[in-house]
Amino acid sequence: MPTVDVYNIAKEKVGELDLKDEIFGVEVKGHLLHEVVTWQRACRRSGTACTKTRGEVRGGGRKPWRQKGTGRARVGSSRSPIWKGGGTTFGPRPRSYAYALPKQVRRLALKMALSSKLAEGQLVVLDAYPHTTPRTKDFIKVMENFDLNKALFITPDENRALTLSARNVPGVQVMLPMGLNVYDILKYEYLVLLSPALDAIEARLAK
């Protein structure tokens, strides 16, 4: 069973925690992580690209010239796709890029992402964030104590002081356990957990 050190914000060790092997000791498979990240990005894709067909382009209601007798090819509208200013043929339309992925695959990939952070020494566990007044200066001090650059913070519940303190710091995101996902774990170099959040994470992944 893997164990992790628990620190206070001054980087003083205050204890240890035992982690569940079935969550933080899973064999990491890169192709599975790639599959889930691709799925997440596809679901977040807006899909708002849109072009106008010949029926949607303004104008073109009048026949440019008579059907016969001019020596030119017959044409019914100046908004034909082959004309300048005409509609687009087979252009993009608003759509959703989302697709289904089995829940078991998503849950396993999340365990792998957590296991990879622990194996690479990029998992930091804090006992608490004691500051109650939002101050970016206090938060940056904590980052400097642990030599953190890009980090994802997971809090057990809404922590207004931490959220507002980290809001203007680049490369930092604060999230609740219910929002934890593979893409954000891998996006940030370090994963910082407040120790009470571990219970929520383990309860979520034990289902």
N, C-alpha and C. Protein backbone atom coordinates (compact mmCIF):
# COMPACT_ATOMS: atom_id res chain seq x y z
N MET A 1 0.85 -1.20 0.00
CA MET A 1 0.00 0.00 0.00
C MET A 1 0.88 1.24 0.00
N PRO A 2 0.74 2.12 -0.99
CA PRO A 2 1.59 3.32 -1.05
C PRO A 2 1.25 4.30 0.07
N THR A 3 2.26 5.01 0.51
CA THR A 3 2.07 6.05 1.53
C THR A 3 2.58 7.37 0.98
N VAL A 4 2.05 8.45 1.52
CA VAL A 4 2.45 9.77 1.08
C VAL A 4 2.61 10.66 2.30
N ASP A 5 3.60 11.54 2.26
CA ASP A 5 3.82 12.48 3.36
C ASP A 5 2.81 13.62 3.29
N VAL A 6 2.41 14.06 4.47
CA VAL A 6 1.48 15.19 4.58
C VAL A 6 2.25 16.39 5.13
N TYR A 7 2.12 17.53 4.47
CA TYR A 7 2.85 18.73 4.86
C TYR A 7 1.88 19.85 5.23
N ASN A 8 2.40 20.81 5.99
CA ASN A 8 1.66 22.06 6.16
C ASN A 8 2.14 23.04 5.09
N ILE A 9 1.60 24.24 5.08
CA ILE A 9 1.94 25.17 4.00
C ILE A 9 3.37 25.68 4.08
N ALA A 10 4.05 25.44 5.21
CA ALA A 10 5.46 25.82 5.35
C ALA A 10 6.40 24.69 4.94
N LYS A 11 5.83 23.62 4.35
CA LYS A 11 6.55 22.43 3.93
C LYS A 11 7.22 21.71 5.11
N GLU A 12 6.51 21.65 6.19
CA GLU A 12 6.93 20.88 7.35
C GLU A 12 6.08 19.62 7.41
N LYS A 13 6.74 18.48 7.49
CA LYS A 13 6.02 17.21 7.51
C LYS A 13 5.23 17.08 8.80
N VAL A 14 3.94 16.81 8.66
CA VAL A 14 3.08 16.71 9.84
C VAL A 14 2.44 15.33 9.97
N GLY A 15 2.74 14.43 9.04
CA GLY A 15 2.18 13.09 9.14
C GLY A 15 2.31 12.32 7.84
N GLU A 16 1.68 11.17 7.81
CA GLU A 16 1.66 10.31 6.64
C GLU A 16 0.25 9.77 6.42
N LEU A 17 -0.03 9.43 5.18
CA LEU A 17 -1.33 8.87 4.84
C LEU A 17 -1.12 7.62 3.99
N ASP A 18 -1.91 6.61 4.26
CA ASP A 18 -1.91 5.41 3.44
C ASP A 18 -2.91 5.60 2.30
N LEU A 19 -2.46 5.31 1.09
CA LEU A 19 -3.30 5.45 -0.09
C LEU A 19 -3.74 4.08 -0.57
N LYS A 20 -4.92 4.02 -1.13
CA LYS A 20 -5.43 2.75 -1.64
C LYS A 20 -4.66 2.33 -2.88
N ASP A 21 -4.19 1.09 -2.83
CA ASP A 21 -3.37 0.58 -3.93
C ASP A 21 -4.17 0.47 -5.22
N GLU A 22 -5.47 0.22 -5.13
CA GLU A 22 -6.29 0.07 -6.33
C GLU A 22 -6.61 1.41 -6.99
N ILE A 23 -6.21 2.52 -6.36
CA ILE A 23 -6.42 3.85 -6.94
C ILE A 23 -5.10 4.53 -7.28
N PHE A 24 -4.12 4.44 -6.36
CA PHE A 24 -2.85 5.13 -6.55
C PHE A 24 -1.69 4.19 -6.89
N GLY A 25 -2.02 2.92 -7.12
CA GLY A 25 -0.96 1.96 -7.48
C GLY A 25 -1.29 1.20 -8.75
N VAL A 26 -2.02 1.84 -9.65
CA VAL A 26 -2.45 1.20 -10.89
C VAL A 26 -1.36 1.32 -11.95
N GLU A 27 -1.20 0.27 -12.74
CA GLU A 27 -0.23 0.32 -13.84
C GLU A 27 -0.69 1.35 -14.87
N VAL A 28 0.21 2.22 -15.27
CA VAL A 28 -0.13 3.30 -16.19
C VAL A 28 0.04 2.83 -17.63
N LYS A 29 -1.02 3.02 -18.42
CA LYS A 29 -1.00 2.67 -19.84
C LYS A 29 -1.24 3.93 -20.65
N GLY A 30 -0.23 4.34 -21.38
CA GLY A 30 -0.29 5.60 -22.09
C GLY A 30 -1.40 5.67 -23.12
N HIS A 31 -1.67 4.58 -23.82
CA HIS A 31 -2.68 4.61 -24.86
C HIS A 31 -4.07 4.85 -24.29
N LEU A 32 -4.31 4.35 -23.08
CA LEU A 32 -5.62 4.56 -22.45
C LEU A 32 -5.79 6.01 -22.00
N LEU A 33 -4.72 6.59 -21.46
CA LEU A 33 -4.77 8.00 -21.08
C LEU A 33 -5.00 8.87 -22.32
N HIS A 34 -4.32 8.53 -23.41
CA HIS A 34 -4.49 9.29 -24.66
C HIS A 34 -5.93 9.19 -25.15
N GLU A 35 -6.52 8.02 -25.04
CA GLU A 35 -7.90 7.83 -25.51
C GLU A 35 -8.88 8.70 -24.72
N VAL A 36 -8.68 8.77 -23.40
CA VAL A 36 -9.60 9.55 -22.56
C VAL A 36 -9.37 11.05 -22.77
N VAL A 37 -8.13 11.48 -22.91
CA VAL A 37 -7.86 12.90 -23.16
C VAL A 37 -8.46 13.32 -24.50
N THR A 38 -8.34 12.48 -25.51
CA THR A 38 -8.93 12.78 -26.81
C THR A 38 -10.44 12.90 -26.70
N TRP A 39 -11.05 12.02 -25.93
CA TRP A 39 -12.50 12.06 -25.71
C TRP A 39 -12.91 13.34 -24.99
N GLN A 40 -12.16 13.72 -23.95
CA GLN A 40 -12.48 14.94 -23.21
C GLN A 40 -12.39 16.17 -24.10
N ARG A 41 -11.34 16.26 -24.89
CA ARG A 41 -11.17 17.42 -25.76
C ARG A 41 -12.25 17.46 -26.85
N ALA A 42 -12.66 16.31 -27.33
CA ALA A 42 -13.73 16.27 -28.32
C ALA A 42 -15.05 16.75 -27.71
N CYS A 43 -15.31 16.36 -26.46
CA CYS A 43 -16.55 16.78 -25.80
C CYS A 43 -16.54 18.29 -25.52
N ARG A 44 -15.36 18.86 -25.30
CA ARG A 44 -15.26 20.30 -25.03
C ARG A 44 -15.25 21.14 -26.31
N ARG A 45 -15.09 20.50 -27.45
CA ARG A 45 -14.99 21.23 -28.71
C ARG A 45 -16.32 21.90 -29.02
N SER A 46 -16.29 23.15 -29.40
CA SER A 46 -17.52 23.92 -29.57
C SER A 46 -18.31 23.50 -30.81
N GLY A 47 -17.64 23.23 -31.90
CA GLY A 47 -18.33 22.80 -33.11
C GLY A 47 -19.26 23.85 -33.68
N THR A 48 -18.84 25.12 -33.65
CA THR A 48 -19.71 26.21 -34.11
C THR A 48 -19.37 26.70 -35.51
N ALA A 49 -18.40 26.08 -36.18
CA ALA A 49 -18.05 26.51 -37.54
C ALA A 49 -19.25 26.34 -38.46
N CYS A 50 -19.51 27.37 -39.27
CA CYS A 50 -20.71 27.32 -40.11
C CYS A 50 -20.48 28.13 -41.38
N THR A 51 -20.88 27.57 -42.50
CA THR A 51 -20.85 28.29 -43.77
C THR A 51 -22.27 28.36 -44.33
N LYS A 52 -22.51 29.28 -45.25
CA LYS A 52 -23.83 29.46 -45.83
C LYS A 52 -23.94 28.73 -47.17
N THR A 53 -25.05 28.08 -47.34
CA THR A 53 -25.33 27.44 -48.62
C THR A 53 -25.88 28.49 -49.59
N ARG A 54 -26.14 28.09 -50.83
CA ARG A 54 -26.64 29.03 -51.83
C ARG A 54 -28.04 29.55 -51.45
N GLY A 55 -28.75 28.82 -50.63
CA GLY A 55 -30.06 29.26 -50.19
C GLY A 55 -30.02 30.23 -49.03
N GLU A 56 -28.85 30.40 -48.41
CA GLU A 56 -28.72 31.27 -47.25
C GLU A 56 -27.96 32.56 -47.56
N VAL A 57 -27.21 32.57 -48.64
CA VAL A 57 -26.46 33.77 -49.01
C VAL A 57 -27.42 34.86 -49.48
N ARG A 58 -27.16 36.09 -49.08
CA ARG A 58 -28.04 37.19 -49.45
C ARG A 58 -27.97 37.47 -50.95
N GLY A 59 -29.14 37.76 -51.56
CA GLY A 59 -29.21 38.09 -52.97
C GLY A 59 -29.43 36.87 -53.83
N GLY A 60 -29.32 37.07 -55.14
CA GLY A 60 -29.43 35.95 -56.07
C GLY A 60 -30.85 35.57 -56.43
N GLY A 61 -31.82 36.39 -56.06
CA GLY A 61 -33.20 36.03 -56.37
C GLY A 61 -33.57 36.22 -57.84
N ARG A 62 -32.90 37.12 -58.50
CA ARG A 62 -33.21 37.43 -59.91
C ARG A 62 -32.31 36.60 -60.82
N LYS A 63 -32.90 36.07 -61.86
CA LYS A 63 -32.12 35.32 -62.85
C LYS A 63 -31.19 36.29 -63.59
N PRO A 64 -29.86 36.04 -63.59
CA PRO A 64 -28.90 37.01 -64.16
C PRO A 64 -29.18 37.36 -65.61
N TRP A 65 -29.53 36.41 -66.47
CA TRP A 65 -29.91 36.68 -67.87
C TRP A 65 -30.88 35.60 -68.33
N ARG A 66 -31.46 35.84 -69.47
CA ARG A 66 -32.49 34.92 -69.93
C ARG A 66 -31.90 33.56 -70.26
N GLN A 67 -32.76 32.57 -70.27
CA GLN A 67 -32.31 31.19 -70.42
C GLN A 67 -31.60 30.95 -71.75
N LYS A 68 -32.15 31.50 -72.85
CA LYS A 68 -31.60 31.19 -74.18
C LYS A 68 -31.28 32.46 -74.95
N GLY A 69 -30.45 32.31 -75.93
CA GLY A 69 -30.21 33.38 -76.88
C GLY A 69 -29.02 34.28 -76.58
N THR A 70 -28.34 34.09 -75.47
CA THR A 70 -27.21 34.96 -75.14
C THR A 70 -25.88 34.35 -75.53
N GLY A 71 -25.86 33.04 -75.78
CA GLY A 71 -24.61 32.37 -76.10
C GLY A 71 -23.82 31.94 -74.86
N ARG A 72 -24.34 32.33 -73.72
CA ARG A 72 -23.65 31.93 -72.47
C ARG A 72 -24.37 30.76 -71.82
N ALA A 73 -23.69 30.16 -70.86
CA ALA A 73 -24.28 29.02 -70.17
C ALA A 73 -25.50 29.48 -69.38
N ARG A 74 -26.47 28.59 -69.28
CA ARG A 74 -27.67 28.93 -68.53
C ARG A 74 -27.35 28.99 -67.04
N VAL A 75 -27.97 29.91 -66.35
CA VAL A 75 -27.74 30.07 -64.92
C VAL A 75 -29.01 30.64 -64.30
N GLY A 76 -29.32 30.18 -63.10
CA GLY A 76 -30.55 30.62 -62.47
C GLY A 76 -30.34 31.56 -61.31
N SER A 77 -29.10 31.65 -60.78
CA SER A 77 -28.86 32.50 -59.62
C SER A 77 -27.40 32.94 -59.60
N SER A 78 -27.18 34.16 -59.16
CA SER A 78 -25.80 34.65 -59.03
C SER A 78 -25.16 34.17 -57.73
N ARG A 79 -25.90 33.38 -56.95
CA ARG A 79 -25.35 32.85 -55.70
C ARG A 79 -25.02 31.36 -55.81
N SER A 80 -24.83 30.93 -57.05
CA SER A 80 -24.39 29.56 -57.29
C SER A 80 -23.00 29.36 -56.68
N PRO A 81 -22.68 28.18 -56.17
CA PRO A 81 -21.36 27.93 -55.56
C PRO A 81 -20.18 28.19 -56.49
N ILE A 82 -20.42 28.17 -57.80
CA ILE A 82 -19.29 28.38 -58.72
C ILE A 82 -19.10 29.86 -59.02
N TRP A 83 -19.96 30.70 -58.49
CA TRP A 83 -19.82 32.15 -58.68
C TRP A 83 -19.14 32.78 -57.48
N LYS A 84 -18.42 33.88 -57.76
CA LYS A 84 -17.85 34.65 -56.66
C LYS A 84 -18.97 35.23 -55.81
N GLY A 85 -18.87 35.08 -54.51
CA GLY A 85 -19.91 35.55 -53.60
C GLY A 85 -21.05 34.57 -53.44
N GLY A 86 -20.92 33.40 -54.07
CA GLY A 86 -21.97 32.40 -53.96
C GLY A 86 -21.88 31.58 -52.69
N GLY A 87 -22.78 30.64 -52.56
CA GLY A 87 -22.81 29.78 -51.37
C GLY A 87 -21.67 28.77 -51.37
N THR A 88 -21.52 28.07 -50.27
CA THR A 88 -20.47 27.06 -50.11
C THR A 88 -21.07 25.67 -50.21
N THR A 89 -20.41 24.82 -50.96
CA THR A 89 -20.87 23.44 -51.12
C THR A 89 -20.18 22.54 -50.10
N PHE A 90 -20.96 21.79 -49.36
CA PHE A 90 -20.44 20.82 -48.39
C PHE A 90 -19.51 21.49 -47.36
N GLY A 91 -19.82 22.71 -46.96
CA GLY A 91 -19.04 23.39 -45.94
C GLY A 91 -19.40 22.91 -44.54
N PRO A 92 -18.64 23.33 -43.53
CA PRO A 92 -18.94 22.89 -42.15
C PRO A 92 -20.26 23.47 -41.64
N ARG A 93 -20.95 22.70 -40.82
CA ARG A 93 -22.18 23.12 -40.19
C ARG A 93 -22.05 22.90 -38.69
N PRO A 94 -22.80 23.63 -37.87
CA PRO A 94 -22.72 23.41 -36.41
C PRO A 94 -23.00 21.95 -36.06
N ARG A 95 -22.16 21.41 -35.21
CA ARG A 95 -22.29 19.99 -34.85
C ARG A 95 -21.62 19.74 -33.50
N SER A 96 -21.90 18.62 -32.94
CA SER A 96 -21.27 18.19 -31.69
C SER A 96 -20.23 17.12 -32.01
N TYR A 97 -19.05 17.27 -31.44
CA TYR A 97 -17.98 16.30 -31.65
C TYR A 97 -17.94 15.25 -30.53
N ALA A 98 -18.87 15.33 -29.60
CA ALA A 98 -18.88 14.42 -28.46
C ALA A 98 -19.25 13.01 -28.89
N TYR A 99 -18.68 12.04 -28.21
CA TYR A 99 -19.05 10.64 -28.44
C TYR A 99 -18.96 9.90 -27.11
N ALA A 100 -19.51 8.73 -27.07
CA ALA A 100 -19.59 7.96 -25.81
C ALA A 100 -18.30 7.21 -25.55
N LEU A 101 -17.95 7.11 -24.28
CA LEU A 101 -16.80 6.33 -23.84
C LEU A 101 -17.23 5.57 -22.59
N PRO A 102 -16.94 4.28 -22.49
CA PRO A 102 -17.41 3.51 -21.34
C PRO A 102 -16.95 4.10 -20.00
N LYS A 103 -17.84 4.06 -19.03
CA LYS A 103 -17.55 4.61 -17.71
C LYS A 103 -16.36 3.89 -17.07
N GLN A 104 -16.25 2.59 -17.30
CA GLN A 104 -15.14 1.83 -16.72
C GLN A 104 -13.80 2.31 -17.26
N VAL A 105 -13.77 2.67 -18.54
CA VAL A 105 -12.52 3.17 -19.15
C VAL A 105 -12.17 4.53 -18.55
N ARG A 106 -13.15 5.39 -18.38
CA ARG A 106 -12.89 6.72 -17.82
C ARG A 106 -12.41 6.61 -16.38
N ARG A 107 -13.02 5.74 -15.61
CA ARG A 107 -12.62 5.59 -14.21
C ARG A 107 -11.21 5.01 -14.11
N LEU A 108 -10.90 4.02 -14.94
CA LEU A 108 -9.56 3.42 -14.91
C LEU A 108 -8.50 4.43 -15.32
N ALA A 109 -8.78 5.24 -16.32
CA ALA A 109 -7.82 6.25 -16.76
C ALA A 109 -7.58 7.28 -15.66
N LEU A 110 -8.61 7.64 -14.92
CA LEU A 110 -8.44 8.59 -13.82
C LEU A 110 -7.54 8.00 -12.73
N LYS A 111 -7.70 6.73 -12.46
CA LYS A 111 -6.81 6.06 -11.50
C LYS A 111 -5.38 6.05 -12.00
N MET A 112 -5.22 5.81 -13.29
CA MET A 112 -3.87 5.80 -13.88
C MET A 112 -3.22 7.18 -13.79
N ALA A 113 -4.01 8.22 -14.02
CA ALA A 113 -3.46 9.58 -13.94
C ALA A 113 -3.00 9.89 -12.52
N LEU A 114 -3.80 9.51 -11.53
CA LEU A 114 -3.40 9.71 -10.13
C LEU A 114 -2.17 8.89 -9.79
N SER A 115 -2.14 7.66 -10.27
CA SER A 115 -0.98 6.79 -9.99
C SER A 115 0.29 7.34 -10.61
N SER A 116 0.17 7.94 -11.81
CA SER A 116 1.35 8.48 -12.47
C SER A 116 1.92 9.66 -11.70
N LYS A 117 1.06 10.50 -11.13
CA LYS A 117 1.55 11.64 -10.35
C LYS A 117 2.28 11.16 -9.10
N LEU A 118 1.74 10.14 -8.46
CA LEU A 118 2.42 9.59 -7.27
C LEU A 118 3.75 8.96 -7.64
N ALA A 119 3.77 8.18 -8.73
CA ALA A 119 5.00 7.49 -9.13
C ALA A 119 6.10 8.46 -9.54
N GLU A 120 5.72 9.60 -10.11
CA GLU A 120 6.70 10.58 -10.57
C GLU A 120 7.06 11.61 -9.50
N GLY A 121 6.53 11.46 -8.30
CA GLY A 121 6.83 12.38 -7.22
C GLY A 121 6.22 13.75 -7.41
N GLN A 122 5.12 13.82 -8.13
CA GLN A 122 4.46 15.09 -8.42
C GLN A 122 3.12 15.21 -7.70
N LEU A 123 2.95 14.42 -6.65
CA LEU A 123 1.74 14.50 -5.83
C LEU A 123 2.11 15.10 -4.48
N VAL A 124 1.48 16.21 -4.14
CA VAL A 124 1.73 16.91 -2.88
C VAL A 124 0.44 16.91 -2.06
N VAL A 125 0.54 16.52 -0.80
CA VAL A 125 -0.63 16.50 0.09
C VAL A 125 -0.43 17.51 1.20
N LEU A 126 -1.36 18.46 1.31
CA LEU A 126 -1.35 19.45 2.38
C LEU A 126 -2.40 19.10 3.42
N ASP A 127 -2.08 19.39 4.68
CA ASP A 127 -3.08 19.11 5.72
C ASP A 127 -4.24 20.08 5.63
N ALA A 128 -3.97 21.34 5.26
CA ALA A 128 -5.03 22.35 5.13
C ALA A 128 -4.43 23.61 4.52
N TYR A 129 -5.34 24.50 4.14
CA TYR A 129 -4.93 25.84 3.73
C TYR A 129 -5.51 26.79 4.77
N PRO A 130 -4.71 27.18 5.76
CA PRO A 130 -5.25 27.88 6.93
C PRO A 130 -5.67 29.33 6.72
N HIS A 131 -5.20 29.96 5.63
CA HIS A 131 -5.53 31.37 5.43
C HIS A 131 -7.03 31.52 5.14
N THR A 132 -7.64 32.45 5.81
CA THR A 132 -9.08 32.70 5.62
C THR A 132 -9.35 33.98 4.82
N THR A 133 -8.32 34.80 4.66
CA THR A 133 -8.46 36.04 3.89
C THR A 133 -7.78 35.86 2.54
N PRO A 134 -8.49 36.13 1.44
CA PRO A 134 -7.87 35.98 0.12
C PRO A 134 -6.72 36.95 -0.08
N ARG A 135 -5.52 36.40 -0.25
CA ARG A 135 -4.34 37.21 -0.54
C ARG A 135 -3.45 36.42 -1.49
N THR A 136 -3.24 36.97 -2.66
CA THR A 136 -2.40 36.29 -3.64
C THR A 136 -0.98 36.12 -3.13
N LYS A 137 -0.51 37.09 -2.34
CA LYS A 137 0.85 37.03 -1.81
C LYS A 137 1.03 35.81 -0.91
N ASP A 138 0.02 35.49 -0.11
CA ASP A 138 0.11 34.30 0.76
C ASP A 138 0.15 33.02 -0.07
N PHE A 139 -0.65 32.98 -1.11
CA PHE A 139 -0.68 31.79 -1.95
C PHE A 139 0.64 31.60 -2.69
N ILE A 140 1.20 32.67 -3.21
CA ILE A 140 2.48 32.57 -3.92
C ILE A 140 3.58 32.09 -2.97
N LYS A 141 3.51 32.48 -1.72
CA LYS A 141 4.48 32.01 -0.73
C LYS A 141 4.41 30.50 -0.58
N VAL A 142 3.20 29.95 -0.57
CA VAL A 142 3.04 28.50 -0.49
C VAL A 142 3.63 27.83 -1.73
N MET A 143 3.38 28.42 -2.90
CA MET A 143 3.95 27.87 -4.13
C MET A 143 5.47 27.87 -4.10
N GLU A 144 6.05 28.93 -3.57
CA GLU A 144 7.50 29.02 -3.48
C GLU A 144 8.05 28.01 -2.49
N ASN A 145 7.35 27.76 -1.40
CA ASN A 145 7.82 26.80 -0.40
C ASN A 145 7.97 25.41 -1.00
N PHE A 146 7.06 25.05 -1.90
CA PHE A 146 7.09 23.71 -2.50
C PHE A 146 7.71 23.72 -3.90
N ASP A 147 8.21 24.88 -4.32
CA ASP A 147 8.83 25.01 -5.64
C ASP A 147 7.88 24.54 -6.74
N LEU A 148 6.66 25.03 -6.69
CA LEU A 148 5.64 24.66 -7.66
C LEU A 148 5.56 25.72 -8.75
N ASN A 149 5.30 25.27 -9.95
CA ASN A 149 5.11 26.18 -11.08
C ASN A 149 3.69 26.04 -11.61
N LYS A 150 3.42 24.94 -12.28
CA LYS A 150 2.06 24.65 -12.75
C LYS A 150 1.46 23.59 -11.82
N ALA A 151 0.33 23.92 -11.20
CA ALA A 151 -0.23 23.01 -10.20
C ALA A 151 -1.75 23.05 -10.23
N LEU A 152 -2.33 21.88 -9.98
CA LEU A 152 -3.78 21.73 -9.84
C LEU A 152 -4.08 21.45 -8.37
N PHE A 153 -4.86 22.32 -7.75
CA PHE A 153 -5.21 22.18 -6.33
C PHE A 153 -6.61 21.57 -6.21
N ILE A 154 -6.73 20.57 -5.36
CA ILE A 154 -8.02 19.92 -5.13
C ILE A 154 -8.41 20.16 -3.67
N THR A 155 -9.55 20.81 -3.48
CA THR A 155 -10.05 21.11 -2.14
C THR A 155 -11.30 20.28 -1.86
N PRO A 156 -11.50 19.86 -0.61
CA PRO A 156 -12.66 19.01 -0.30
C PRO A 156 -14.00 19.73 -0.47
N ASP A 157 -14.01 21.04 -0.27
CA ASP A 157 -15.23 21.83 -0.43
C ASP A 157 -14.84 23.23 -0.89
N GLU A 158 -15.82 24.07 -1.07
CA GLU A 158 -15.56 25.43 -1.53
C GLU A 158 -14.65 26.17 -0.54
N ASN A 159 -13.50 26.61 -1.04
CA ASN A 159 -12.55 27.35 -0.22
C ASN A 159 -12.36 28.72 -0.89
N ARG A 160 -13.12 29.68 -0.42
CA ARG A 160 -13.13 30.99 -1.07
C ARG A 160 -11.77 31.67 -1.01
N ALA A 161 -11.10 31.56 0.13
CA ALA A 161 -9.80 32.21 0.29
C ALA A 161 -8.78 31.63 -0.70
N LEU A 162 -8.75 30.32 -0.83
CA LEU A 162 -7.81 29.68 -1.75
C LEU A 162 -8.17 29.98 -3.20
N THR A 163 -9.44 29.90 -3.54
CA THR A 163 -9.87 30.13 -4.91
C THR A 163 -9.55 31.55 -5.36
N LEU A 164 -9.86 32.53 -4.54
CA LEU A 164 -9.60 33.92 -4.92
C LEU A 164 -8.12 34.25 -4.89
N SER A 165 -7.38 33.63 -3.99
CA SER A 165 -5.93 33.89 -3.91
C SER A 165 -5.21 33.35 -5.14
N ALA A 166 -5.70 32.24 -5.69
CA ALA A 166 -5.02 31.60 -6.82
C ALA A 166 -5.57 32.06 -8.16
N ARG A 167 -6.62 32.88 -8.13
CA ARG A 167 -7.32 33.23 -9.36
C ARG A 167 -6.43 33.94 -10.38
N ASN A 168 -5.55 34.81 -9.90
CA ASN A 168 -4.71 35.60 -10.81
C ASN A 168 -3.31 35.05 -10.99
N VAL A 169 -3.06 33.85 -10.46
CA VAL A 169 -1.74 33.23 -10.60
C VAL A 169 -1.75 32.35 -11.85
N PRO A 170 -0.90 32.62 -12.83
CA PRO A 170 -0.90 31.81 -14.05
C PRO A 170 -0.42 30.39 -13.78
N GLY A 171 -0.99 29.44 -14.50
CA GLY A 171 -0.56 28.05 -14.36
C GLY A 171 -1.12 27.36 -13.15
N VAL A 172 -2.18 27.88 -12.56
CA VAL A 172 -2.77 27.29 -11.34
C VAL A 172 -4.27 27.18 -11.53
N GLN A 173 -4.83 26.07 -11.06
CA GLN A 173 -6.28 25.89 -11.07
C GLN A 173 -6.71 25.23 -9.77
N VAL A 174 -7.85 25.67 -9.24
CA VAL A 174 -8.42 25.10 -8.02
C VAL A 174 -9.71 24.39 -8.40
N MET A 175 -9.88 23.17 -7.89
CA MET A 175 -11.00 22.35 -8.33
C MET A 175 -11.51 21.50 -7.17
N LEU A 176 -12.77 21.13 -7.21
CA LEU A 176 -13.36 20.22 -6.24
C LEU A 176 -13.15 18.78 -6.70
N PRO A 177 -13.21 17.81 -5.78
CA PRO A 177 -12.98 16.40 -6.16
C PRO A 177 -13.94 15.90 -7.24
N MET A 178 -15.18 16.40 -7.25
CA MET A 178 -16.15 15.94 -8.23
C MET A 178 -15.77 16.36 -9.65
N GLY A 179 -14.93 17.39 -9.78
CA GLY A 179 -14.52 17.85 -11.10
C GLY A 179 -13.19 17.29 -11.56
N LEU A 180 -12.56 16.46 -10.74
CA LEU A 180 -11.25 15.91 -11.08
C LEU A 180 -11.35 15.07 -12.36
N ASN A 181 -10.43 15.30 -13.29
CA ASN A 181 -10.47 14.59 -14.56
C ASN A 181 -9.05 14.36 -15.08
N VAL A 182 -8.94 13.46 -16.03
CA VAL A 182 -7.65 13.04 -16.55
C VAL A 182 -6.92 14.19 -17.25
N TYR A 183 -7.64 14.94 -18.07
CA TYR A 183 -7.01 16.00 -18.86
C TYR A 183 -6.34 17.04 -17.97
N ASP A 184 -7.04 17.50 -16.93
CA ASP A 184 -6.47 18.53 -16.07
C ASP A 184 -5.35 17.99 -15.20
N ILE A 185 -5.43 16.74 -14.79
CA ILE A 185 -4.34 16.15 -14.00
C ILE A 185 -3.05 16.12 -14.82
N LEU A 186 -3.16 15.71 -16.08
CA LEU A 186 -1.98 15.61 -16.93
C LEU A 186 -1.52 16.97 -17.44
N LYS A 187 -2.44 17.93 -17.51
CA LYS A 187 -2.11 19.26 -18.02
C LYS A 187 -1.17 19.99 -17.08
N TYR A 188 -1.36 19.83 -15.76
CA TYR A 188 -0.55 20.53 -14.77
C TYR A 188 0.57 19.61 -14.26
N GLU A 189 1.71 20.22 -13.98
CA GLU A 189 2.88 19.41 -13.58
C GLU A 189 2.67 18.76 -12.23
N TYR A 190 2.10 19.49 -11.28
CA TYR A 190 1.90 18.96 -9.93
C TYR A 190 0.42 18.88 -9.59
N LEU A 191 0.10 17.87 -8.80
CA LEU A 191 -1.25 17.71 -8.26
C LEU A 191 -1.16 17.91 -6.75
N VAL A 192 -1.83 18.93 -6.25
CA VAL A 192 -1.79 19.28 -4.83
C VAL A 192 -3.16 18.97 -4.22
N LEU A 193 -3.17 18.07 -3.25
CA LEU A 193 -4.42 17.66 -2.61
C LEU A 193 -4.45 18.15 -1.17
N LEU A 194 -5.54 18.73 -0.76
CA LEU A 194 -5.77 18.94 0.66
C LEU A 194 -6.25 17.62 1.22
N SER A 195 -5.63 17.15 2.30
CA SER A 195 -5.84 15.78 2.76
C SER A 195 -7.31 15.36 2.89
N PRO A 196 -8.24 16.22 3.35
CA PRO A 196 -9.63 15.78 3.41
C PRO A 196 -10.21 15.43 2.03
N ALA A 197 -9.63 15.97 0.97
CA ALA A 197 -10.13 15.68 -0.37
C ALA A 197 -9.83 14.25 -0.80
N LEU A 198 -8.83 13.62 -0.17
CA LEU A 198 -8.50 12.25 -0.52
C LEU A 198 -9.66 11.31 -0.26
N ASP A 199 -10.38 11.53 0.85
CA ASP A 199 -11.52 10.67 1.16
C ASP A 199 -12.58 10.78 0.07
N ALA A 200 -12.83 11.99 -0.41
CA ALA A 200 -13.83 12.18 -1.46
C ALA A 200 -13.39 11.53 -2.77
N ILE A 201 -12.10 11.63 -3.08
CA ILE A 201 -11.59 11.02 -4.31
C ILE A 201 -11.68 9.50 -4.23
N GLU A 202 -11.26 8.93 -3.11
CA GLU A 202 -11.31 7.49 -2.96
C GLU A 202 -12.73 6.97 -2.93
N ALA A 203 -13.64 7.73 -2.34
CA ALA A 203 -15.05 7.33 -2.33
C ALA A 203 -15.63 7.36 -3.73
N ARG A 204 -15.23 8.34 -4.52
CA ARG A 204 -15.74 8.45 -5.89
C ARG A 204 -15.25 7.31 -6.77
N LEU A 205 -13.98 6.93 -6.62
CA LEU A 205 -13.40 5.92 -7.49
C LEU A 205 -13.59 4.50 -6.96
N ALA A 206 -14.12 4.37 -5.77
CA ALA A 206 -14.36 3.03 -5.20
C ALA A 206 -15.69 2.45 -5.64
N LYS A 207 -16.52 3.27 -6.31
CA LYS A 207 -17.84 2.81 -6.72
C LYS A 207 -17.74 1.75 -7.82
